[in-house]
C-alpha atoms as a PDB file:
ATOM      1  CA  MET A   1       4.112  -7.118  -9.464  1.00  0.00           C
ATOM      2  CA  SER A   2       3.705  -4.641 -12.223  1.00  0.00           C
ATOM      3  CA  THR A   3       6.784  -4.232 -14.613  1.00  0.00           C
ATOM      4  CA  HIS A   4       5.396  -0.798 -15.822  1.00  0.00           C
ATOM      5  CA  ARG A   5       7.633   1.987 -14.314  1.00  0.00           C
ATOM      6  CA  PHE A   6       6.060   5.424 -12.735  1.00  0.00           C
ATOM      7  CA  ARG A   7       4.457   7.735 -14.960  1.00  0.00           C
ATOM      8  CA  PHE A   8       1.983  10.614 -14.107  1.00  0.00           C
ATOM      9  CA  GLY A   9      -0.488  12.611 -15.940  1.00  0.00           C
ATOM     10  CA  VAL A  10      -2.247  15.644 -14.597  1.00  0.00           C
ATOM     11  CA  GLU A  11      -5.832  16.669 -15.182  1.00  0.00           C
ATOM     12  CA  VAL A  12      -6.930  19.877 -16.295  1.00  0.00           C
ATOM     13  CA  HIS A  13      -9.942  22.159 -17.186  1.00  0.00           C
ATOM     14  CA  GLY A  14      -8.212  25.409 -18.302  1.00  0.00           C
ATOM     15  CA  PRO A  15      -5.124  27.371 -17.863  1.00  0.00           C
ATOM     16  CA  LEU A  16      -3.471  27.447 -13.776  1.00  0.00           C
ATOM     17  CA  ASP A  17      -4.577  30.368 -12.101  1.00  0.00           C
ATOM     18  CA  GLY A  18      -2.742  33.677 -13.039  1.00  0.00           C
ATOM     19  CA  ARG A  19      -1.535  31.625 -16.344  1.00  0.00           C
ATOM     20  CA  THR A  20      -2.096  31.653 -20.003  1.00  0.00           C
ATOM     21  CA  TRP A  21      -2.767  28.086 -20.986  1.00  0.00           C
ATOM     22  CA  ALA A  22       0.634  28.521 -23.293  1.00  0.00           C
ATOM     23  CA  ASP A  23       2.140  29.190 -19.597  1.00  0.00           C
ATOM     24  CA  THR A  24       0.503  26.095 -17.986  1.00  0.00           C
ATOM     25  CA  VAL A  25       1.039  23.739 -20.927  1.00  0.00           C
ATOM     26  CA  ARG A  26       4.902  24.791 -20.863  1.00  0.00           C
ATOM     27  CA  GLU A  27       4.979  24.432 -16.983  1.00  0.00           C
ATOM     28  CA  LEU A  28       3.497  21.072 -16.967  1.00  0.00           C
ATOM     29  CA  GLU A  29       5.842  19.765 -19.130  1.00  0.00           C
ATOM     30  CA  ALA A  30       9.008  21.213 -16.983  1.00  0.00           C
ATOM     31  CA  LEU A  31       7.524  19.794 -13.889  1.00  0.00           C
ATOM     32  CA  GLY A  32       8.334  16.195 -15.505  1.00  0.00           C
ATOM     33  CA  TYR A  33       4.635  15.113 -16.108  1.00  0.00           C
ATOM     34  CA  SER A  34       3.584  12.785 -18.765  1.00  0.00           C
ATOM     35  CA  THR A  35       0.513  13.736 -19.918  1.00  0.00           C
ATOM     36  CA  LEU A  36      -2.254  16.454 -20.079  1.00  0.00           C
ATOM     37  CA  PHE A  37      -5.129  15.369 -19.730  1.00  0.00           C
ATOM     38  CA  VAL A  38      -8.176  17.802 -20.443  1.00  0.00           C
ATOM     39  CA  PRO A  39     -12.075  16.378 -19.204  1.00  0.00           C
ATOM     40  CA  ASP A  40     -14.965  15.730 -21.500  1.00  0.00           C
ATOM     41  CA  HIS A  41     -17.699  17.583 -19.859  1.00  0.00           C
ATOM     42  CA  PHE A  42     -19.633  20.067 -21.026  1.00  0.00           C
ATOM     43  CA  ASP A  43     -19.566  22.431 -17.730  1.00  0.00           C
ATOM     44  CA  GLU A  44     -15.670  22.017 -17.162  1.00  0.00           C
ATOM     45  CA  GLY A  45     -13.101  24.456 -19.305  1.00  0.00           C
ATOM     46  CA  PHE A  46     -11.598  24.194 -22.889  1.00  0.00           C
ATOM     47  CA  GLY A  47     -13.263  21.841 -25.347  1.00  0.00           C
ATOM     48  CA  PRO A  48     -11.152  18.688 -25.267  1.00  0.00           C
ATOM     49  CA  ILE A  49     -10.073  18.326 -28.997  1.00  0.00           C
ATOM     50  CA  ALA A  50      -8.976  22.747 -29.448  1.00  0.00           C
ATOM     51  CA  ALA A  51      -7.237  22.214 -25.809  1.00  0.00           C
ATOM     52  CA  MET A  52      -5.186  19.106 -26.516  1.00  0.00           C
ATOM     53  CA  THR A  53      -4.011  20.208 -29.804  1.00  0.00           C
ATOM     54  CA  ALA A  54      -2.928  23.827 -29.010  1.00  0.00           C
ATOM     55  CA  ALA A  55      -1.096  21.765 -26.175  1.00  0.00           C
ATOM     56  CA  ALA A  56       0.677  19.858 -28.394  1.00  0.00           C
ATOM     57  CA  VAL A  57       1.758  22.292 -30.520  1.00  0.00           C
ATOM     58  CA  LEU A  58       2.889  24.603 -27.428  1.00  0.00           C
ATOM     59  CA  THR A  59       5.210  21.705 -26.186  1.00  0.00           C
ATOM     60  CA  THR A  60       7.735  19.344 -27.363  1.00  0.00           C
ATOM     61  CA  THR A  61       7.770  15.749 -24.847  1.00  0.00           C
ATOM     62  CA  LEU A  62       4.232  16.348 -23.348  1.00  0.00           C
ATOM     63  CA  LYS A  63       1.617  13.644 -24.113  1.00  0.00           C
ATOM     64  CA  VAL A  64      -2.018  14.701 -24.578  1.00  0.00           C
ATOM     65  CA  GLY A  65      -5.251  13.062 -24.403  1.00  0.00           C
ATOM     66  CA  ALA A  66      -9.133  13.394 -22.696  1.00  0.00           C
ATOM     67  CA  LEU A  67      -9.901  11.562 -19.688  1.00  0.00           C
ATOM     68  CA  VAL A  68     -12.202  10.497 -21.618  1.00  0.00           C
ATOM     69  CA  PHE A  69     -13.849  10.624 -24.194  1.00  0.00           C
ATOM     70  CA  ASP A  70     -17.738  10.321 -23.988  1.00  0.00           C
ATOM     71  CA  CYS A  71     -18.625   8.243 -27.234  1.00  0.00           C
ATOM     72  CA  ASP A  72     -22.504   9.525 -27.219  1.00  0.00           C
ATOM     73  CA  TYR A  73     -21.264  12.788 -27.764  1.00  0.00           C
ATOM     74  CA  ARG A  74     -19.417  12.433 -31.569  1.00  0.00           C
ATOM     75  CA  HIS A  75     -19.377   9.764 -34.297  1.00  0.00           C
ATOM     76  CA  PRO A  76     -16.124   7.779 -34.496  1.00  0.00           C
ATOM     77  CA  ALA A  77     -15.595   8.825 -38.344  1.00  0.00           C
ATOM     78  CA  VAL A  78     -15.592  12.343 -36.942  1.00  0.00           C
ATOM     79  CA  LEU A  79     -13.562  11.465 -33.934  1.00  0.00           C
ATOM     80  CA  GLY A  80     -11.350   9.328 -35.942  1.00  0.00           C
ATOM     81  CA  ARG A  81      -9.865  11.932 -38.409  1.00  0.00           C
ATOM     82  CA  GLU A  82      -9.748  14.723 -35.571  1.00  0.00           C
ATOM     83  CA  LEU A  83      -7.545  12.564 -33.386  1.00  0.00           C
ATOM     84  CA  ALA A  84      -5.485  11.135 -36.332  1.00  0.00           C
ATOM     85  CA  SER A  85      -5.169  14.700 -37.090  1.00  0.00           C
ATOM     86  CA  ILE A  86      -3.555  15.372 -33.420  1.00  0.00           C
ATOM     87  CA  ASP A  87      -1.381  12.530 -33.760  1.00  0.00           C
ATOM     88  CA  VAL A  88      -0.007  13.884 -36.607  1.00  0.00           C
ATOM     89  CA  LEU A  89       0.277  17.394 -35.365  1.00  0.00           C
ATOM     90  CA  SER A  90       2.043  16.097 -32.156  1.00  0.00           C
ATOM     91  CA  GLU A  91       4.309  13.843 -33.740  1.00  0.00           C
ATOM     92  CA  GLY A  92       3.148  10.688 -31.893  1.00  0.00           C
ATOM     93  CA  ARG A  93       2.313  12.057 -28.298  1.00  0.00           C
ATOM     94  CA  LEU A  94      -1.807  11.150 -28.083  1.00  0.00           C
ATOM     95  CA  GLU A  95      -3.706   8.948 -25.817  1.00  0.00           C
ATOM     96  CA  VAL A  96      -7.135   8.330 -27.207  1.00  0.00           C
ATOM     97  CA  GLY A  97      -9.139   7.695 -24.087  1.00  0.00           C
ATOM     98  CA  LEU A  98     -12.864   6.468 -24.518  1.00  0.00           C
ATOM     99  CA  GLY A  99     -15.764   6.080 -22.330  1.00  0.00           C
ATOM    100  CA  ALA A 100     -19.292   5.352 -22.484  1.00  0.00           C
ATOM    101  CA  GLY A 101     -20.633   8.105 -20.522  1.00  0.00           C
ATOM    102  CA  TRP A 102     -21.432   8.225 -16.672  1.00  0.00           C
ATOM    103  CA  LYS A 103     -21.972  12.347 -15.868  1.00  0.00           C
ATOM    104  CA  LYS A 104     -26.493  12.657 -16.060  1.00  0.00           C
ATOM    105  CA  LEU A 105     -25.908  16.637 -15.872  1.00  0.00           C
ATOM    106  CA  ASP A 106     -23.801  16.343 -19.448  1.00  0.00           C
ATOM    107  CA  TYR A 107     -26.799  14.555 -21.010  1.00  0.00           C
ATOM    108  CA  ASP A 108     -29.390  16.397 -19.080  1.00  0.00           C
ATOM    109  CA  ARG A 109     -28.435  20.108 -20.361  1.00  0.00           C
ATOM    110  CA  SER A 110     -27.214  18.774 -23.946  1.00  0.00           C
ATOM    111  CA  GLY A 111     -30.398  16.903 -24.047  1.00  0.00           C
ATOM    112  CA  ILE A 112     -28.208  14.118 -25.428  1.00  0.00           C
ATOM    113  CA  PRO A 113     -30.485  11.156 -24.556  1.00  0.00           C
ATOM    114  CA  MET A 114     -29.169   9.478 -21.732  1.00  0.00           C
ATOM    115  CA  GLU A 115     -29.839   5.312 -22.515  1.00  0.00           C
ATOM    116  CA  ALA A 116     -29.128   2.770 -20.413  1.00  0.00           C
ATOM    117  CA  PRO A 117     -25.860   1.472 -19.641  1.00  0.00           C
ATOM    118  CA  LYS A 118     -25.754  -1.688 -21.778  1.00  0.00           C
ATOM    119  CA  VAL A 119     -26.775   0.813 -24.834  1.00  0.00           C
ATOM    120  CA  ARG A 120     -24.128   3.027 -23.794  1.00  0.00           C
ATOM    121  CA  VAL A 121     -21.725   0.415 -23.257  1.00  0.00           C
ATOM    122  CA  ASP A 122     -22.405  -1.689 -26.779  1.00  0.00           C
ATOM    123  CA  ARG A 123     -21.945   2.134 -28.311  1.00  0.00           C
ATOM    124  CA  MET A 124     -18.634   2.307 -27.199  1.00  0.00           C
ATOM    125  CA  ILE A 125     -17.457  -0.963 -28.232  1.00  0.00           C
ATOM    126  CA  GLU A 126     -18.491  -0.511 -31.656  1.00  0.00           C
ATOM    127  CA  HIS A 127     -16.812   3.035 -31.371  1.00  0.00           C
ATOM    128  CA  THR A 128     -13.231   1.752 -30.255  1.00  0.00           C
ATOM    129  CA  LYS A 129     -13.564  -1.236 -33.244  1.00  0.00           C
ATOM    130  CA  ILE A 130     -14.408   1.143 -35.527  1.00  0.00           C
ATOM    131  CA  LEU A 131     -11.525   3.500 -34.399  1.00  0.00           C
ATOM    132  CA  LYS A 132      -8.894   0.938 -34.026  1.00  0.00           C
ATOM    133  CA  ALA A 133      -9.601   0.116 -37.820  1.00  0.00           C
ATOM    134  CA  LEU A 134      -9.431   3.761 -39.024  1.00  0.00           C
ATOM    135  CA  PHE A 135      -5.918   3.872 -36.855  1.00  0.00           C
ATOM    136  CA  ALA A 136      -4.784   0.524 -38.600  1.00  0.00           C
ATOM    137  CA  GLU A 137      -6.918  -0.069 -41.916  1.00  0.00           C
ATOM    138  CA  GLU A 138      -8.179   1.632 -45.459  1.00  0.00           C
ATOM    139  CA  PRO A 139     -10.538   1.633 -46.578  1.00  0.00           C
ATOM    140  CA  VAL A 140     -13.325   0.406 -43.383  1.00  0.00           C
ATOM    141  CA  SER A 141     -16.287  -0.745 -43.387  1.00  0.00           C
ATOM    142  CA  PHE A 142     -18.092  -1.565 -40.368  1.00  0.00           C
ATOM    143  CA  GLU A 143     -21.967  -2.678 -39.553  1.00  0.00           C
ATOM    144  CA  GLY A 144     -23.325  -2.961 -36.123  1.00  0.00           C
ATOM    145  CA  GLU A 145     -26.422  -2.116 -34.236  1.00  0.00           C
ATOM    146  CA  HIS A 146     -25.536   1.582 -33.415  1.00  0.00           C
ATOM    147  CA  TYR A 147     -22.868   2.733 -36.654  1.00  0.00           C
ATOM    148  CA  ARG A 148     -23.036   1.814 -40.749  1.00  0.00           C
ATOM    149  CA  ILE A 149     -19.602   2.575 -42.359  1.00  0.00           C
ATOM    150  CA  THR A 150     -18.675   1.972 -45.991  1.00  0.00           C
ATOM    151  CA  ASP A 151     -15.281   2.079 -47.285  1.00  0.00           C
ATOM    152  CA  LEU A 152     -14.340   5.185 -45.403  1.00  0.00           C
ATOM    153  CA  PRO A 153     -10.643   5.752 -45.790  1.00  0.00           C
ATOM    154  CA  GLY A 154      -8.653   6.794 -42.745  1.00  0.00           C
ATOM    155  CA  THR A 155      -7.519  10.223 -42.884  1.00  0.00           C
ATOM    156  CA  PRO A 156      -4.867  11.349 -42.111  1.00  0.00           C
ATOM    157  CA  ARG A 157      -2.702   8.274 -41.884  1.00  0.00           C
ATOM    158  CA  PRO A 158      -1.581   8.540 -37.723  1.00  0.00           C
ATOM    159  CA  TYR A 159       1.990   9.207 -37.277  1.00  0.00           C
ATOM    160  CA  THR A 160       2.076   6.138 -34.747  1.00  0.00           C
ATOM    161  CA  PRO A 161       2.211   2.960 -36.411  1.00  0.00           C
ATOM    162  CA  GLY A 162      -1.069   1.129 -36.051  1.00  0.00           C
ATOM    163  CA  GLY A 163      -2.376   4.212 -34.358  1.00  0.00           C
ATOM    164  CA  PRO A 164      -1.976   5.622 -30.656  1.00  0.00           C
ATOM    165  CA  PRO A 165      -2.192   3.994 -27.764  1.00  0.00           C
ATOM    166  CA  PHE A 166      -6.225   3.479 -26.558  1.00  0.00           C
ATOM    167  CA  ILE A 167      -6.788   4.422 -22.777  1.00  0.00           C
ATOM    168  CA  ILE A 168     -10.444   2.534 -21.616  1.00  0.00           C
ATOM    169  CA  GLY A 169     -11.861   3.249 -18.629  1.00  0.00           C
ATOM    170  CA  GLY A 170     -14.784   1.912 -16.502  1.00  0.00           C
ATOM    171  CA  GLY A 171     -15.835   0.297 -12.887  1.00  0.00           C
ATOM    172  CA  GLN A 172     -17.859  -2.859 -14.200  1.00  0.00           C
ATOM    173  CA  PRO A 173     -17.398  -6.423 -15.520  1.00  0.00           C
ATOM    174  CA  ARG A 174     -18.149  -5.977 -18.852  1.00  0.00           C
ATOM    175  CA  VAL A 175     -16.307  -2.526 -20.064  1.00  0.00           C
ATOM    176  CA  LEU A 176     -13.413  -3.892 -17.872  1.00  0.00           C
ATOM    177  CA  ARG A 177     -13.314  -7.260 -19.174  1.00  0.00           C
ATOM    178  CA  PHE A 178     -13.559  -5.749 -23.080  1.00  0.00           C
ATOM    179  CA  ALA A 179     -10.614  -2.995 -22.310  1.00  0.00           C
ATOM    180  CA  GLY A 180      -8.505  -6.212 -21.099  1.00  0.00           C
ATOM    181  CA  GLU A 181      -8.852  -7.411 -24.731  1.00  0.00           C
ATOM    182  CA  VAL A 182      -8.221  -4.273 -26.897  1.00  0.00           C
ATOM    183  CA  ALA A 183      -6.926  -1.766 -24.566  1.00  0.00           C
ATOM    184  CA  ASP A 184      -3.285  -0.260 -24.014  1.00  0.00           C
ATOM    185  CA  ILE A 185      -3.888   1.774 -21.042  1.00  0.00           C
ATOM    186  CA  VAL A 186      -6.816   0.759 -18.702  1.00  0.00           C
ATOM    187  CA  GLY A 187      -8.633   3.492 -15.678  1.00  0.00           C
ATOM    188  CA  VAL A 188     -10.123   0.854 -13.514  1.00  0.00           C
ATOM    189  CA  ASN A 189     -12.595   3.327 -11.952  1.00  0.00           C
ATOM    190  CA  ALA A 190     -15.249   3.433  -9.433  1.00  0.00           C
ATOM    191  CA  SER A 191     -18.857   2.674 -10.832  1.00  0.00           C
ATOM    192  CA  ILE A 192     -20.749   5.798 -10.785  1.00  0.00           C
ATOM    193  CA  HIS A 193     -24.401   4.762 -10.898  1.00  0.00           C
ATOM    194  CA  SER A 194     -26.206   7.350 -10.306  1.00  0.00           C
ATOM    195  CA  GLY A 195     -24.445   9.803 -12.628  1.00  0.00           C
ATOM    196  CA  GLU A 196     -22.825  11.873 -10.007  1.00  0.00           C
ATOM    197  CA  VAL A 197     -19.805  11.559  -7.607  1.00  0.00           C
ATOM    198  CA  ASP A 198     -21.710  10.125  -4.725  1.00  0.00           C
ATOM    199  CA  THR A 199     -21.375   8.139  -1.325  1.00  0.00           C
ATOM    200  CA  GLU A 200     -22.367   5.054  -3.461  1.00  0.00           C
ATOM    201  CA  ALA A 201     -19.096   5.421  -6.100  1.00  0.00           C
ATOM    202  CA  ALA A 202     -16.807   6.618  -3.102  1.00  0.00           C
ATOM    203  CA  HIS A 203     -17.306   2.933  -1.445  1.00  0.00           C
ATOM    204  CA  ASP A 204     -16.785   1.309  -5.020  1.00  0.00           C
ATOM    205  CA  ALA A 205     -13.672   2.956  -4.816  1.00  0.00           C
ATOM    206  CA  MET A 206     -12.431   0.707  -1.868  1.00  0.00           C
ATOM    207  CA  PRO A 207      -9.804  -1.310  -1.511  1.00  0.00           C
ATOM    208  CA  GLU A 208     -11.668  -4.852  -1.587  1.00  0.00           C
ATOM    209  CA  ARG A 209     -13.722  -3.640  -4.679  1.00  0.00           C
ATOM    210  CA  ILE A 210     -10.698  -2.477  -6.687  1.00  0.00           C
ATOM    211  CA  ASP A 211      -9.308  -5.926  -5.942  1.00  0.00           C
ATOM    212  CA  GLN A 212     -12.690  -7.249  -8.124  1.00  0.00           C
ATOM    213  CA  LYS A 213     -12.593  -4.806 -10.435  1.00  0.00           C
ATOM    214  CA  VAL A 214      -8.820  -5.991 -11.441  1.00  0.00           C
ATOM    215  CA  GLY A 215      -9.675  -9.242 -11.347  1.00  0.00           C
ATOM    216  CA  TRP A 216     -12.559  -8.746 -14.033  1.00  0.00           C
ATOM    217  CA  LEU A 217      -9.801  -6.667 -16.124  1.00  0.00           C
ATOM    218  CA  ARG A 218      -7.387  -9.563 -15.878  1.00  0.00           C
ATOM    219  CA  GLU A 219     -10.449 -12.442 -17.154  1.00  0.00           C
ATOM    220  CA  GLY A 220     -10.456  -9.987 -20.393  1.00  0.00           C
ATOM    221  CA  ALA A 221      -6.812  -9.471 -20.864  1.00  0.00           C
ATOM    222  CA  GLY A 222      -5.529 -13.017 -20.305  1.00  0.00           C
ATOM    223  CA  ALA A 223      -2.222 -13.409 -21.228  1.00  0.00           C
ATOM    224  CA  ARG A 224      -1.901  -9.999 -22.134  1.00  0.00           C
ATOM    225  CA  PHE A 225      -2.112  -8.622 -18.589  1.00  0.00           C
ATOM    226  CA  ASP A 226       0.978  -8.167 -17.890  1.00  0.00           C
ATOM    227  CA  GLN A 227       1.468  -5.658 -21.258  1.00  0.00           C
ATOM    228  CA  ILE A 228      -1.333  -3.224 -19.898  1.00  0.00           C
ATOM    229  CA  GLU A 229      -0.345   0.091 -18.319  1.00  0.00           C
ATOM    230  CA  LEU A 230      -3.220   0.619 -14.868  1.00  0.00           C
ATOM    231  CA  ASN A 231      -4.232   4.209 -15.034  1.00  0.00           C
ATOM    232  CA  ALA A 232      -5.570   5.876 -11.486  1.00  0.00           C
ATOM    233  CA  TRP A 233      -7.763   8.735 -11.910  1.00  0.00           C
ATOM    234  CA  LEU A 234      -7.581  10.625  -8.668  1.00  0.00           C
ATOM    235  CA  ALA A 235     -10.995  11.848  -6.441  1.00  0.00           C
ATOM    236  CA  ALA A 236      -9.021  13.004  -4.184  1.00  0.00           C
ATOM    237  CA  ALA A 237      -5.006  14.190  -3.745  1.00  0.00           C
ATOM    238  CA  GLU A 238      -3.867  16.292  -1.391  1.00  0.00           C
ATOM    239  CA  VAL A 239      -0.215  16.449   0.222  1.00  0.00           C
ATOM    240  CA  THR A 240      -0.324  17.175   4.101  1.00  0.00           C
ATOM    241  CA  ASP A 241       1.327  16.550   7.152  1.00  0.00           C
ATOM    242  CA  ASP A 242      -1.982  15.321   8.321  1.00  0.00           C
ATOM    243  CA  THR A 243      -2.807  12.510   6.958  1.00  0.00           C
ATOM    244  CA  VAL A 244      -4.683  11.212   9.914  1.00  0.00           C
ATOM    245  CA  GLY A 245      -6.979  14.446  10.087  1.00  0.00           C
ATOM    246  CA  VAL A 246      -7.465  14.594   6.081  1.00  0.00           C
ATOM    247  CA  GLY A 247      -8.429  10.904   5.908  1.00  0.00           C
ATOM    248  CA  GLU A 248     -10.981  11.379   8.796  1.00  0.00           C
ATOM    249  CA  VAL A 249     -12.705  14.184   6.875  1.00  0.00           C
ATOM    250  CA  MET A 250     -12.817  12.597   3.868  1.00  0.00           C
ATOM    251  CA  GLY A 251     -14.251   8.623   5.831  1.00  0.00           C
ATOM    252  CA  GLN A 252     -17.219  11.260   7.165  1.00  0.00           C
ATOM    253  CA  LEU A 253     -17.620  12.868   3.883  1.00  0.00           C
ATOM    254  CA  PHE A 254     -18.627   9.762   2.234  1.00  0.00           C
ATOM    255  CA  SER A 255     -19.592   7.551   5.094  1.00  0.00           C
ATOM    256  CA  ALA A 256     -16.569   5.262   4.608  1.00  0.00           C
ATOM    257  CA  ASP A 257     -13.687   3.694   7.127  1.00  0.00           C
ATOM    258  CA  PRO A 258     -10.720   6.572   6.738  1.00  0.00           C
ATOM    259  CA  LYS A 259      -7.924   3.734   6.677  1.00  0.00           C
ATOM    260  CA  ASP A 260     -10.042   2.391   3.300  1.00  0.00           C
ATOM    261  CA  VAL A 261     -10.403   6.072   2.143  1.00  0.00           C
ATOM    262  CA  LEU A 262      -6.334   6.693   2.360  1.00  0.00           C
ATOM    263  CA  ALA A 263      -5.915   3.276   0.702  1.00  0.00           C
ATOM    264  CA  SER A 264      -7.978   3.627  -1.708  1.00  0.00           C
ATOM    265  CA  PRO A 265      -6.015   4.006  -4.978  1.00  0.00           C
ATOM    266  CA  LEU A 266      -8.097   6.641  -7.023  1.00  0.00           C
ATOM    267  CA  THR A 267      -7.366   8.686  -3.622  1.00  0.00           C
ATOM    268  CA  LEU A 268      -3.432  10.070  -2.853  1.00  0.00           C
ATOM    269  CA  ILE A 269      -3.550  11.570   0.344  1.00  0.00           C
ATOM    270  CA  GLY A 270      -0.287  12.414   2.854  1.00  0.00           C
ATOM    271  CA  SER A 271       3.327  13.422   3.173  1.00  0.00           C
ATOM    272  CA  LEU A 272       5.247  12.921  -0.453  1.00  0.00           C
ATOM    273  CA  SER A 273       7.013  10.372   1.045  1.00  0.00           C
ATOM    274  CA  GLU A 274       3.687   8.877   2.253  1.00  0.00           C
ATOM    275  CA  CYS A 275       2.426   9.083  -1.215  1.00  0.00           C
ATOM    276  CA  ALA A 276       5.499   7.569  -2.560  1.00  0.00           C
ATOM    277  CA  ASP A 277       4.740   4.498  -0.249  1.00  0.00           C
ATOM    278  CA  ARG A 278       1.303   4.450  -1.079  1.00  0.00           C
ATOM    279  CA  LEU A 279       2.075   4.552  -5.039  1.00  0.00           C
ATOM    280  CA  ARG A 280       4.474   1.359  -4.650  1.00  0.00           C
ATOM    281  CA  GLU A 281       2.379  -0.798  -2.614  1.00  0.00           C
ATOM    282  CA  ARG A 282      -0.367  -0.359  -5.135  1.00  0.00           C
ATOM    283  CA  ARG A 283       1.637  -1.055  -8.089  1.00  0.00           C
ATOM    284  CA  GLU A 284       2.630  -4.389  -6.045  1.00  0.00           C
ATOM    285  CA  ARG A 285      -0.689  -5.125  -5.268  1.00  0.00           C
ATOM    286  CA  TRP A 286      -2.982  -3.932  -8.252  1.00  0.00           C
ATOM    287  CA  GLY A 287      -0.252  -3.203 -11.098  1.00  0.00           C
ATOM    288  CA  TYR A 288      -1.161   0.502 -11.243  1.00  0.00           C
ATOM    289  CA  SER A 289       1.687   2.985 -11.961  1.00  0.00           C
ATOM    290  CA  TYR A 290      -0.023   5.789 -14.062  1.00  0.00           C
ATOM    291  CA  SER A 291      -1.374   8.066 -11.844  1.00  0.00           C
ATOM    292  CA  VAL A 292      -3.743  11.384 -13.252  1.00  0.00           C
ATOM    293  CA  ILE A 293      -2.915  14.245 -10.400  1.00  0.00           C
ATOM    294  CA  PRO A 294      -5.945  16.954 -10.231  1.00  0.00           C
ATOM    295  CA  GLY A 295      -4.391  20.028 -12.297  1.00  0.00           C
ATOM    296  CA  GLU A 296      -4.882  22.367  -8.741  1.00  0.00           C
ATOM    297  CA  LYS A 297      -2.759  20.366  -7.321  1.00  0.00           C
ATOM    298  CA  ALA A 298       0.414  19.228  -9.819  1.00  0.00           C
ATOM    299  CA  ARG A 299       2.450  21.844  -8.666  1.00  0.00           C
ATOM    300  CA  ASP A 300       2.320  20.464  -4.998  1.00  0.00           C
ATOM    301  CA  PHE A 301       2.861  16.746  -6.809  1.00  0.00           C
ATOM    302  CA  ALA A 302       5.764  18.264  -9.033  1.00  0.00           C
ATOM    303  CA  PRO A 303       8.637  16.735  -6.103  1.00  0.00           C
ATOM    304  CA  LEU A 304       7.155  13.206  -6.177  1.00  0.00           C
ATOM    305  CA  VAL A 305       6.661  12.948  -9.934  1.00  0.00           C
ATOM    306  CA  ALA A 306      10.361  13.958  -9.876  1.00  0.00           C
ATOM    307  CA  GLU A 307      11.431  11.192  -7.561  1.00  0.00           C
ATOM    308  CA  LEU A 308       8.932   8.130  -9.266  1.00  0.00           C
ATOM    309  CA  THR A 309       8.932   9.104 -12.768  1.00  0.00           C
ATOM    310  CA  GLY A 310      10.385   6.187 -14.536  1.00  0.00           C
ATOM    311  CA  ALA A 311      11.304   3.995 -11.048  1.00  0.00           C
END
């Protein structure tokens, strides 16, 4: 069983309906959410660095992060400086989310080449190593296949000694094993081979697949597995008294058994008490303790956040 206590993030693309960004982030903080996440996609809301910085300045306890930064979009020397600055400005309330990129539409529209998965993962691994070095050492030199850095000072120095915690998200063996070696928080996710959320991706989020993925994470983590916080980005979240009906609709949508859809740790559907029970079961089975609620559902799940946070 995981020894990690429950906490909750919320992912928002912009202000809640009828609210300013300032009103939104302060409300989410007041509702008890641990972390505000923003996506790193070109068609979804504010730019993540500006949004995270503003959210940090406008709040006092809310952590901020991107879920997750696509390493193809920014050189680590550039991103490292921005992230260290946010860590300083927030007085240590930054979580560094990194990924190898998956959304084909981002690449197509921006003209950034979407290279083979192996190349993107290679780049993400180098990117992670450089960021960690910039946060921990000064100066940094690195020679890899994708990046070459010479005597680069890591400035400013992060507020958090040794640098802020890292979140690495993924669904394939190599990424999850690497995450097990280096990350503080791991998003054990579905693999999205096609570059868009489709039936195959939904099937990869079913419980038996998650068993396998957590196994890969354990292989990479070894003795440090129990130190890692498991993060679940909820692709579907709904507070409802018609759990069976919603599950059937979701099952039809993705050609999956409704029971498996409801049991997947990447969905959270049911009454508040049912959802609380599901989260306890998932922590017991896999170790998930850190769930990320979609922004438009933040108010609906606030009672659950209040009940379980810290438990």
